[in-house]
């Protein structure tokens, strides 16, 4: 596994598989570290938008962060979304809406206590009727792994 954390530069090579780990950053626990660890055995590049250190005094930090996320979402082969219960995560909801209607493989999980759980499930049932919204990080990691393996067996990787 190759790990890339915002706002670090990166260059994907050829058919290198990658996963963008989308979900709450502000006001949520550090779930990304746990999730990335669950996927550490996969031969993929993981984009994590949650920085270890975010300098709030840097007036250009927000724009850099948003641009990095926008480009990494575009470049990633797959996107996983995790909605933890601590906050509503409007930017993550926006990103889910944007990418759920694309051709890109999207995998979604919600904490059972997430305040907009029903909305996410209904929207995803309309946008991607065959997709299951899972209810734990472990199940989301399993779903990522199963999707990668299925695509590998069928030689059907996203471009």
N, C-alpha and C. Protein backbone atom coordinates (compact mmCIF):
# COMPACT_ATOMS: atom_id res chain seq x y z
N UNK A 1 0.84 -1.18 0.00
CA UNK A 1 0.00 0.00 0.00
C UNK A 1 0.88 1.24 0.00
N UNK A 2 0.47 2.22 -0.79
CA UNK A 2 1.12 3.53 -0.79
C UNK A 2 0.13 4.51 -0.17
N UNK A 3 0.60 5.34 0.73
CA UNK A 3 -0.26 6.25 1.48
C UNK A 3 0.11 7.69 1.14
N UNK A 4 -0.90 8.48 0.74
CA UNK A 4 -0.68 9.88 0.41
C UNK A 4 -1.67 10.72 1.21
N UNK A 5 -1.13 11.61 2.01
CA UNK A 5 -1.94 12.47 2.86
C UNK A 5 -1.94 13.88 2.30
N UNK A 6 -3.09 14.53 2.37
CA UNK A 6 -3.18 15.93 1.93
C UNK A 6 -2.18 16.76 2.73
N UNK A 7 -1.58 17.72 2.12
CA UNK A 7 -1.68 18.21 0.76
C UNK A 7 -0.49 17.74 -0.10
N UNK A 8 0.06 16.58 0.21
CA UNK A 8 1.26 16.11 -0.47
C UNK A 8 1.02 15.86 -1.96
N UNK A 9 2.03 16.17 -2.75
CA UNK A 9 1.99 15.92 -4.18
C UNK A 9 2.08 14.42 -4.44
N UNK A 10 1.56 14.01 -5.57
CA UNK A 10 1.60 12.59 -5.94
C UNK A 10 1.59 12.48 -7.45
N UNK A 11 2.00 11.32 -7.91
CA UNK A 11 1.94 11.00 -9.32
C UNK A 11 1.57 9.53 -9.44
N UNK A 12 0.40 9.26 -9.99
CA UNK A 12 -0.01 7.87 -10.18
C UNK A 12 0.62 7.35 -11.46
N UNK A 13 0.99 6.08 -11.43
CA UNK A 13 1.64 5.45 -12.58
C UNK A 13 0.67 4.54 -13.30
N UNK A 14 0.50 4.75 -14.58
CA UNK A 14 -0.28 3.86 -15.43
C UNK A 14 -1.60 3.41 -14.83
N UNK A 15 -1.72 2.10 -14.64
CA UNK A 15 -2.96 1.52 -14.11
C UNK A 15 -2.93 1.35 -12.60
N UNK A 16 -2.16 2.16 -11.90
CA UNK A 16 -2.07 2.08 -10.45
C UNK A 16 -3.45 2.30 -9.82
N UNK A 17 -3.89 1.35 -9.02
CA UNK A 17 -5.19 1.47 -8.37
C UNK A 17 -5.11 2.37 -7.15
N UNK A 18 -6.15 3.17 -6.97
CA UNK A 18 -6.13 4.11 -5.85
C UNK A 18 -7.53 4.26 -5.27
N UNK A 19 -7.53 4.64 -4.01
CA UNK A 19 -8.77 4.82 -3.26
C UNK A 19 -8.71 6.15 -2.52
N UNK A 20 -9.73 6.97 -2.72
CA UNK A 20 -9.87 8.20 -1.94
C UNK A 20 -10.75 7.89 -0.75
N UNK A 21 -10.27 8.22 0.44
CA UNK A 21 -10.99 7.94 1.69
C UNK A 21 -11.75 9.21 2.07
N UNK A 22 -13.01 9.31 1.63
CA UNK A 22 -13.83 10.50 1.87
C UNK A 22 -14.62 10.34 3.17
N UNK A 23 -14.82 11.45 3.83
CA UNK A 23 -15.60 11.44 5.07
C UNK A 23 -15.22 12.61 5.94
N UNK A 24 -15.88 12.71 7.07
CA UNK A 24 -15.69 13.83 7.98
C UNK A 24 -14.26 13.97 8.47
N UNK A 25 -13.82 15.22 8.54
CA UNK A 25 -12.50 15.55 9.06
C UNK A 25 -12.66 16.42 10.30
N UNK A 26 -13.38 17.52 10.16
CA UNK A 26 -13.56 18.46 11.27
C UNK A 26 -14.63 17.95 12.23
N UNK A 27 -14.27 17.87 13.49
CA UNK A 27 -15.24 17.49 14.52
C UNK A 27 -15.53 16.00 14.61
N UNK A 28 -14.73 15.18 13.94
CA UNK A 28 -14.92 13.73 14.01
C UNK A 28 -13.68 13.08 14.59
N UNK A 29 -13.83 11.86 15.06
CA UNK A 29 -12.67 11.12 15.56
C UNK A 29 -11.76 10.78 14.38
N UNK A 30 -10.57 10.34 14.66
CA UNK A 30 -9.58 10.00 13.62
C UNK A 30 -9.87 8.61 13.06
N UNK A 31 -11.01 8.44 12.43
CA UNK A 31 -11.41 7.15 11.89
C UNK A 31 -10.56 6.74 10.69
N UNK A 32 -9.98 7.72 9.98
CA UNK A 32 -9.21 7.42 8.77
C UNK A 32 -8.02 6.50 9.06
N UNK A 33 -7.31 6.74 10.17
CA UNK A 33 -6.15 5.91 10.50
C UNK A 33 -6.57 4.45 10.68
N UNK A 34 -7.67 4.25 11.38
CA UNK A 34 -8.19 2.90 11.61
C UNK A 34 -8.58 2.24 10.28
N UNK A 35 -9.23 2.99 9.43
CA UNK A 35 -9.69 2.46 8.15
C UNK A 35 -8.52 2.11 7.23
N UNK A 36 -7.54 3.02 7.16
CA UNK A 36 -6.36 2.77 6.33
C UNK A 36 -5.62 1.53 6.82
N UNK A 37 -5.53 1.37 8.11
CA UNK A 37 -4.86 0.18 8.66
C UNK A 37 -5.58 -1.10 8.23
N UNK A 38 -6.90 -1.06 8.16
CA UNK A 38 -7.68 -2.23 7.73
C UNK A 38 -7.38 -2.61 6.28
N UNK A 39 -6.93 -1.65 5.49
CA UNK A 39 -6.68 -1.87 4.07
C UNK A 39 -5.19 -1.98 3.73
N UNK A 40 -4.35 -2.02 4.74
CA UNK A 40 -2.90 -1.96 4.53
C UNK A 40 -2.33 -3.13 3.74
N UNK A 41 -3.07 -4.23 3.63
CA UNK A 41 -2.59 -5.40 2.89
C UNK A 41 -2.86 -5.30 1.39
N UNK A 42 -3.62 -4.30 0.96
CA UNK A 42 -3.96 -4.17 -0.46
C UNK A 42 -2.86 -3.42 -1.21
N UNK A 43 -2.69 -3.79 -2.46
CA UNK A 43 -1.70 -3.15 -3.32
C UNK A 43 -2.36 -1.96 -4.04
N UNK A 44 -2.58 -0.90 -3.26
CA UNK A 44 -3.26 0.29 -3.78
C UNK A 44 -2.60 1.54 -3.20
N UNK A 45 -2.94 2.66 -3.80
CA UNK A 45 -2.56 3.96 -3.26
C UNK A 45 -3.79 4.53 -2.57
N UNK A 46 -3.61 4.97 -1.34
CA UNK A 46 -4.72 5.54 -0.58
C UNK A 46 -4.49 7.03 -0.43
N UNK A 47 -5.50 7.81 -0.83
CA UNK A 47 -5.51 9.26 -0.64
C UNK A 47 -6.30 9.57 0.62
N UNK A 48 -5.65 10.20 1.58
CA UNK A 48 -6.32 10.58 2.82
C UNK A 48 -6.32 12.10 2.91
N UNK A 49 -7.51 12.71 2.86
CA UNK A 49 -7.58 14.17 2.94
C UNK A 49 -7.34 14.72 4.34
N UNK A 50 -7.38 13.85 5.35
CA UNK A 50 -7.19 14.33 6.72
C UNK A 50 -5.69 14.44 7.03
N UNK A 51 -5.25 15.67 7.21
CA UNK A 51 -3.84 15.95 7.48
C UNK A 51 -3.53 15.68 8.95
N UNK A 52 -2.31 15.25 9.18
CA UNK A 52 -1.85 15.10 10.56
C UNK A 52 -1.77 16.47 11.22
N UNK A 53 -1.30 17.46 10.45
CA UNK A 53 -1.19 18.83 10.98
C UNK A 53 -1.81 19.81 9.99
N UNK A 54 -2.74 20.61 10.48
CA UNK A 54 -3.38 21.61 9.64
C UNK A 54 -3.15 22.96 10.30
N UNK A 55 -2.40 23.81 9.64
CA UNK A 55 -2.05 25.13 10.18
C UNK A 55 -3.19 26.11 9.92
N UNK A 56 -4.02 26.34 10.93
CA UNK A 56 -5.17 27.23 10.75
C UNK A 56 -4.75 28.69 10.55
N UNK A 57 -3.51 29.04 10.89
CA UNK A 57 -3.04 30.41 10.68
C UNK A 57 -2.64 30.66 9.22
N UNK A 58 -2.51 29.60 8.44
CA UNK A 58 -2.17 29.73 7.02
C UNK A 58 -3.44 30.08 6.24
N UNK A 59 -3.51 31.30 5.74
CA UNK A 59 -4.72 31.76 5.06
C UNK A 59 -4.96 31.07 3.72
N UNK A 60 -3.95 30.40 3.20
CA UNK A 60 -4.11 29.69 1.92
C UNK A 60 -4.40 28.20 2.13
N UNK A 61 -4.42 27.75 3.36
CA UNK A 61 -4.56 26.31 3.65
C UNK A 61 -5.89 25.74 3.15
N UNK A 62 -6.98 26.46 3.36
CA UNK A 62 -8.29 25.94 2.95
C UNK A 62 -8.37 25.74 1.45
N UNK A 63 -7.90 26.74 0.70
CA UNK A 63 -7.94 26.62 -0.77
C UNK A 63 -7.06 25.46 -1.24
N UNK A 64 -5.87 25.32 -0.67
CA UNK A 64 -4.98 24.21 -1.03
C UNK A 64 -5.64 22.87 -0.72
N UNK A 65 -6.28 22.79 0.44
CA UNK A 65 -6.93 21.55 0.85
C UNK A 65 -8.05 21.18 -0.12
N UNK A 66 -8.90 22.13 -0.43
CA UNK A 66 -10.03 21.87 -1.31
C UNK A 66 -9.55 21.47 -2.70
N UNK A 67 -8.53 22.16 -3.20
CA UNK A 67 -7.98 21.84 -4.53
C UNK A 67 -7.37 20.44 -4.53
N UNK A 68 -6.61 20.10 -3.48
CA UNK A 68 -6.00 18.78 -3.39
C UNK A 68 -7.08 17.70 -3.39
N UNK A 69 -8.12 17.90 -2.58
CA UNK A 69 -9.21 16.92 -2.52
C UNK A 69 -9.92 16.79 -3.86
N UNK A 70 -10.20 17.91 -4.50
CA UNK A 70 -10.88 17.90 -5.79
C UNK A 70 -10.09 17.08 -6.81
N UNK A 71 -8.77 17.32 -6.89
CA UNK A 71 -7.93 16.61 -7.85
C UNK A 71 -7.76 15.14 -7.49
N UNK A 72 -7.58 14.84 -6.20
CA UNK A 72 -7.41 13.44 -5.78
C UNK A 72 -8.70 12.65 -6.01
N UNK A 73 -9.85 13.26 -5.80
CA UNK A 73 -11.12 12.59 -6.10
C UNK A 73 -11.22 12.28 -7.59
N UNK A 74 -10.80 13.22 -8.41
CA UNK A 74 -10.79 13.00 -9.87
C UNK A 74 -9.86 11.85 -10.25
N UNK A 75 -8.69 11.82 -9.63
CA UNK A 75 -7.65 10.86 -10.00
C UNK A 75 -7.87 9.46 -9.44
N UNK A 76 -8.56 9.35 -8.33
CA UNK A 76 -8.73 8.06 -7.65
C UNK A 76 -9.52 7.08 -8.52
N UNK A 77 -9.14 5.82 -8.45
CA UNK A 77 -9.87 4.76 -9.15
C UNK A 77 -11.21 4.48 -8.48
N UNK A 78 -11.21 4.54 -7.15
CA UNK A 78 -12.38 4.25 -6.32
C UNK A 78 -12.50 5.33 -5.25
N UNK A 79 -13.72 5.50 -4.75
CA UNK A 79 -13.94 6.41 -3.62
C UNK A 79 -14.76 5.68 -2.58
N UNK A 80 -14.27 5.72 -1.34
CA UNK A 80 -15.07 5.22 -0.23
C UNK A 80 -15.54 6.42 0.58
N UNK A 81 -16.76 6.35 1.08
CA UNK A 81 -17.32 7.40 1.92
C UNK A 81 -17.68 6.81 3.26
N UNK A 82 -17.28 7.48 4.34
CA UNK A 82 -17.70 7.08 5.68
C UNK A 82 -18.31 8.29 6.37
N UNK A 83 -19.55 8.10 6.84
CA UNK A 83 -20.26 9.15 7.57
C UNK A 83 -20.32 8.75 9.04
N UNK A 84 -19.45 9.37 9.84
CA UNK A 84 -19.46 9.11 11.27
C UNK A 84 -20.58 9.92 11.91
N UNK A 85 -20.94 9.59 13.11
CA UNK A 85 -22.13 10.20 13.74
C UNK A 85 -21.90 11.59 14.33
N UNK A 86 -20.65 12.03 14.48
CA UNK A 86 -20.39 13.26 15.24
C UNK A 86 -20.89 14.54 14.58
N UNK A 87 -20.85 14.61 13.26
CA UNK A 87 -21.26 15.83 12.56
C UNK A 87 -22.03 15.46 11.29
N UNK A 88 -22.67 16.47 10.67
CA UNK A 88 -23.44 16.21 9.43
C UNK A 88 -22.54 16.05 8.21
N UNK A 89 -21.39 16.70 8.18
CA UNK A 89 -20.42 16.57 7.10
C UNK A 89 -20.98 17.02 5.74
N UNK A 90 -21.37 18.30 5.63
CA UNK A 90 -21.98 18.78 4.39
C UNK A 90 -21.08 18.66 3.16
N UNK A 91 -19.78 18.85 3.32
CA UNK A 91 -18.89 18.73 2.16
C UNK A 91 -18.86 17.29 1.69
N UNK A 92 -18.82 16.34 2.61
CA UNK A 92 -18.81 14.92 2.24
C UNK A 92 -20.13 14.56 1.55
N UNK A 93 -21.24 15.11 2.03
CA UNK A 93 -22.53 14.88 1.36
C UNK A 93 -22.51 15.42 -0.06
N UNK A 94 -21.93 16.62 -0.22
CA UNK A 94 -21.80 17.20 -1.56
C UNK A 94 -20.97 16.27 -2.47
N UNK A 95 -19.82 15.82 -1.95
CA UNK A 95 -18.96 14.94 -2.74
C UNK A 95 -19.66 13.63 -3.09
N UNK A 96 -20.41 13.08 -2.15
CA UNK A 96 -21.17 11.86 -2.42
C UNK A 96 -22.18 12.12 -3.54
N UNK A 97 -22.89 13.22 -3.46
CA UNK A 97 -23.85 13.55 -4.51
C UNK A 97 -23.18 13.68 -5.87
N UNK A 98 -22.05 14.35 -5.87
CA UNK A 98 -21.33 14.54 -7.13
C UNK A 98 -20.87 13.21 -7.73
N UNK A 99 -20.28 12.36 -6.92
CA UNK A 99 -19.67 11.14 -7.45
C UNK A 99 -20.64 9.97 -7.55
N UNK A 100 -21.76 10.02 -6.86
CA UNK A 100 -22.70 8.89 -6.93
C UNK A 100 -23.36 8.78 -8.30
N UNK A 101 -23.36 9.85 -9.05
CA UNK A 101 -23.96 9.81 -10.39
C UNK A 101 -22.92 9.66 -11.49
N UNK A 102 -21.68 9.41 -11.10
CA UNK A 102 -20.62 9.21 -12.08
C UNK A 102 -20.45 7.71 -12.34
N UNK A 103 -19.52 7.39 -13.22
CA UNK A 103 -19.20 6.00 -13.52
C UNK A 103 -18.19 5.42 -12.52
N UNK A 104 -17.59 6.27 -11.72
CA UNK A 104 -16.55 5.84 -10.78
C UNK A 104 -17.14 4.95 -9.70
N UNK A 105 -16.45 3.85 -9.35
CA UNK A 105 -16.92 3.00 -8.25
C UNK A 105 -16.91 3.77 -6.93
N UNK A 106 -18.06 3.72 -6.26
CA UNK A 106 -18.26 4.42 -5.00
C UNK A 106 -18.76 3.40 -3.97
N UNK A 107 -18.18 3.44 -2.78
CA UNK A 107 -18.57 2.55 -1.69
C UNK A 107 -18.92 3.42 -0.49
N UNK A 108 -20.02 3.11 0.19
CA UNK A 108 -20.52 4.01 1.22
C UNK A 108 -20.85 3.27 2.51
N UNK A 109 -20.45 3.90 3.61
CA UNK A 109 -20.81 3.40 4.93
C UNK A 109 -21.25 4.55 5.82
N UNK A 110 -22.19 4.25 6.71
CA UNK A 110 -22.68 5.25 7.67
C UNK A 110 -22.74 4.62 9.06
N UNK A 111 -22.26 5.35 10.02
CA UNK A 111 -22.47 4.96 11.40
C UNK A 111 -23.98 4.89 11.63
N UNK A 112 -24.48 3.87 12.33
CA UNK A 112 -25.92 3.77 12.57
C UNK A 112 -26.52 5.00 13.27
N UNK A 113 -25.68 5.79 13.95
CA UNK A 113 -26.15 6.99 14.65
C UNK A 113 -25.99 8.26 13.81
N UNK A 114 -25.56 8.12 12.55
CA UNK A 114 -25.38 9.30 11.71
C UNK A 114 -26.75 9.96 11.49
N UNK A 115 -26.87 11.27 11.78
CA UNK A 115 -28.18 11.94 11.73
C UNK A 115 -28.89 11.90 10.38
N UNK A 116 -28.17 11.78 9.28
CA UNK A 116 -28.79 11.78 7.95
C UNK A 116 -28.70 10.40 7.29
N UNK A 117 -28.64 9.36 8.10
CA UNK A 117 -28.51 7.99 7.60
C UNK A 117 -29.61 7.65 6.59
N UNK A 118 -30.84 7.94 6.95
CA UNK A 118 -31.95 7.61 6.05
C UNK A 118 -31.81 8.34 4.71
N UNK A 119 -31.40 9.60 4.75
CA UNK A 119 -31.23 10.36 3.51
C UNK A 119 -30.17 9.73 2.62
N UNK A 120 -29.03 9.35 3.22
CA UNK A 120 -27.96 8.73 2.43
C UNK A 120 -28.46 7.43 1.82
N UNK A 121 -29.12 6.61 2.61
CA UNK A 121 -29.61 5.32 2.10
C UNK A 121 -30.60 5.50 0.96
N UNK A 122 -31.53 6.43 1.12
CA UNK A 122 -32.54 6.65 0.07
C UNK A 122 -31.88 7.20 -1.20
N UNK A 123 -31.02 8.22 -1.04
CA UNK A 123 -30.36 8.79 -2.21
C UNK A 123 -29.52 7.75 -2.95
N UNK A 124 -28.80 6.91 -2.19
CA UNK A 124 -27.97 5.90 -2.83
C UNK A 124 -28.83 4.81 -3.48
N UNK A 125 -29.97 4.50 -2.91
CA UNK A 125 -30.85 3.50 -3.54
C UNK A 125 -31.39 4.01 -4.87
N UNK A 126 -31.50 5.33 -4.99
CA UNK A 126 -31.96 5.92 -6.25
C UNK A 126 -30.81 6.06 -7.25
N UNK A 127 -29.65 6.50 -6.79
CA UNK A 127 -28.50 6.73 -7.68
C UNK A 127 -27.82 5.43 -8.08
N UNK A 128 -27.73 4.50 -7.14
CA UNK A 128 -27.03 3.23 -7.37
C UNK A 128 -27.79 2.10 -6.68
N UNK A 129 -28.87 1.64 -7.30
CA UNK A 129 -29.75 0.66 -6.65
C UNK A 129 -29.08 -0.64 -6.23
N UNK A 130 -28.00 -1.03 -6.87
CA UNK A 130 -27.33 -2.29 -6.53
C UNK A 130 -26.34 -2.15 -5.38
N UNK A 131 -26.09 -0.94 -4.94
CA UNK A 131 -25.09 -0.71 -3.89
C UNK A 131 -25.72 -0.82 -2.51
N UNK A 132 -24.96 -1.38 -1.58
CA UNK A 132 -25.40 -1.49 -0.19
C UNK A 132 -24.63 -0.49 0.65
N UNK A 133 -25.35 0.33 1.41
CA UNK A 133 -24.72 1.24 2.36
C UNK A 133 -24.48 0.43 3.63
N UNK A 134 -23.22 0.25 4.01
CA UNK A 134 -22.87 -0.57 5.17
C UNK A 134 -22.86 0.26 6.44
N UNK A 135 -22.85 -0.43 7.59
CA UNK A 135 -23.03 0.27 8.87
C UNK A 135 -21.83 0.22 9.81
N UNK A 136 -20.64 -0.11 9.28
CA UNK A 136 -19.44 -0.07 10.12
C UNK A 136 -18.22 0.12 9.24
N UNK A 137 -17.16 0.64 9.86
CA UNK A 137 -15.90 0.79 9.12
C UNK A 137 -15.37 -0.55 8.66
N UNK A 138 -15.52 -1.57 9.50
CA UNK A 138 -15.06 -2.91 9.14
C UNK A 138 -15.77 -3.42 7.89
N UNK A 139 -17.08 -3.22 7.85
CA UNK A 139 -17.85 -3.65 6.67
C UNK A 139 -17.48 -2.83 5.44
N UNK A 140 -17.17 -1.56 5.63
CA UNK A 140 -16.76 -0.74 4.50
C UNK A 140 -15.40 -1.22 3.97
N UNK A 141 -14.48 -1.55 4.86
CA UNK A 141 -13.18 -2.09 4.44
C UNK A 141 -13.39 -3.41 3.70
N UNK A 142 -14.28 -4.26 4.18
CA UNK A 142 -14.58 -5.52 3.50
C UNK A 142 -15.16 -5.26 2.12
N UNK A 143 -16.04 -4.27 2.03
CA UNK A 143 -16.66 -3.93 0.74
C UNK A 143 -15.60 -3.42 -0.25
N UNK A 144 -14.67 -2.61 0.23
CA UNK A 144 -13.57 -2.13 -0.63
C UNK A 144 -12.77 -3.33 -1.13
N UNK A 145 -12.38 -4.19 -0.21
CA UNK A 145 -11.58 -5.37 -0.56
C UNK A 145 -12.31 -6.25 -1.57
N UNK A 146 -13.58 -6.53 -1.33
CA UNK A 146 -14.37 -7.37 -2.24
C UNK A 146 -14.49 -6.74 -3.62
N UNK A 147 -14.69 -5.43 -3.68
CA UNK A 147 -14.80 -4.73 -4.96
C UNK A 147 -13.50 -4.80 -5.73
N UNK A 148 -12.37 -4.55 -5.06
CA UNK A 148 -11.07 -4.65 -5.71
C UNK A 148 -10.84 -6.06 -6.25
N UNK A 149 -11.11 -7.07 -5.41
CA UNK A 149 -10.87 -8.45 -5.83
C UNK A 149 -11.77 -8.84 -7.00
N UNK A 150 -13.03 -8.44 -6.94
CA UNK A 150 -13.96 -8.73 -8.03
C UNK A 150 -13.49 -8.07 -9.33
N UNK A 151 -13.09 -6.82 -9.25
CA UNK A 151 -12.61 -6.12 -10.43
C UNK A 151 -11.31 -6.75 -10.94
N UNK A 152 -10.47 -7.20 -10.03
CA UNK A 152 -9.22 -7.85 -10.42
C UNK A 152 -9.50 -9.15 -11.17
N UNK A 153 -10.38 -9.96 -10.64
CA UNK A 153 -10.73 -11.25 -11.27
C UNK A 153 -11.31 -11.02 -12.66
N UNK A 154 -12.15 -10.01 -12.78
CA UNK A 154 -12.80 -9.73 -14.07
C UNK A 154 -11.99 -8.75 -14.94
N UNK A 155 -10.81 -8.38 -14.45
CA UNK A 155 -9.94 -7.46 -15.17
C UNK A 155 -10.71 -6.21 -15.60
N UNK A 156 -11.50 -5.69 -14.67
CA UNK A 156 -12.38 -4.56 -14.95
C UNK A 156 -12.05 -3.41 -14.01
N UNK A 157 -10.91 -2.80 -14.22
CA UNK A 157 -10.51 -1.71 -13.35
C UNK A 157 -10.95 -0.37 -13.94
N UNK A 158 -11.37 0.53 -13.07
CA UNK A 158 -11.73 1.86 -13.56
C UNK A 158 -10.53 2.58 -14.11
N UNK A 159 -10.77 3.43 -15.09
CA UNK A 159 -9.65 4.19 -15.67
C UNK A 159 -9.55 5.55 -15.06
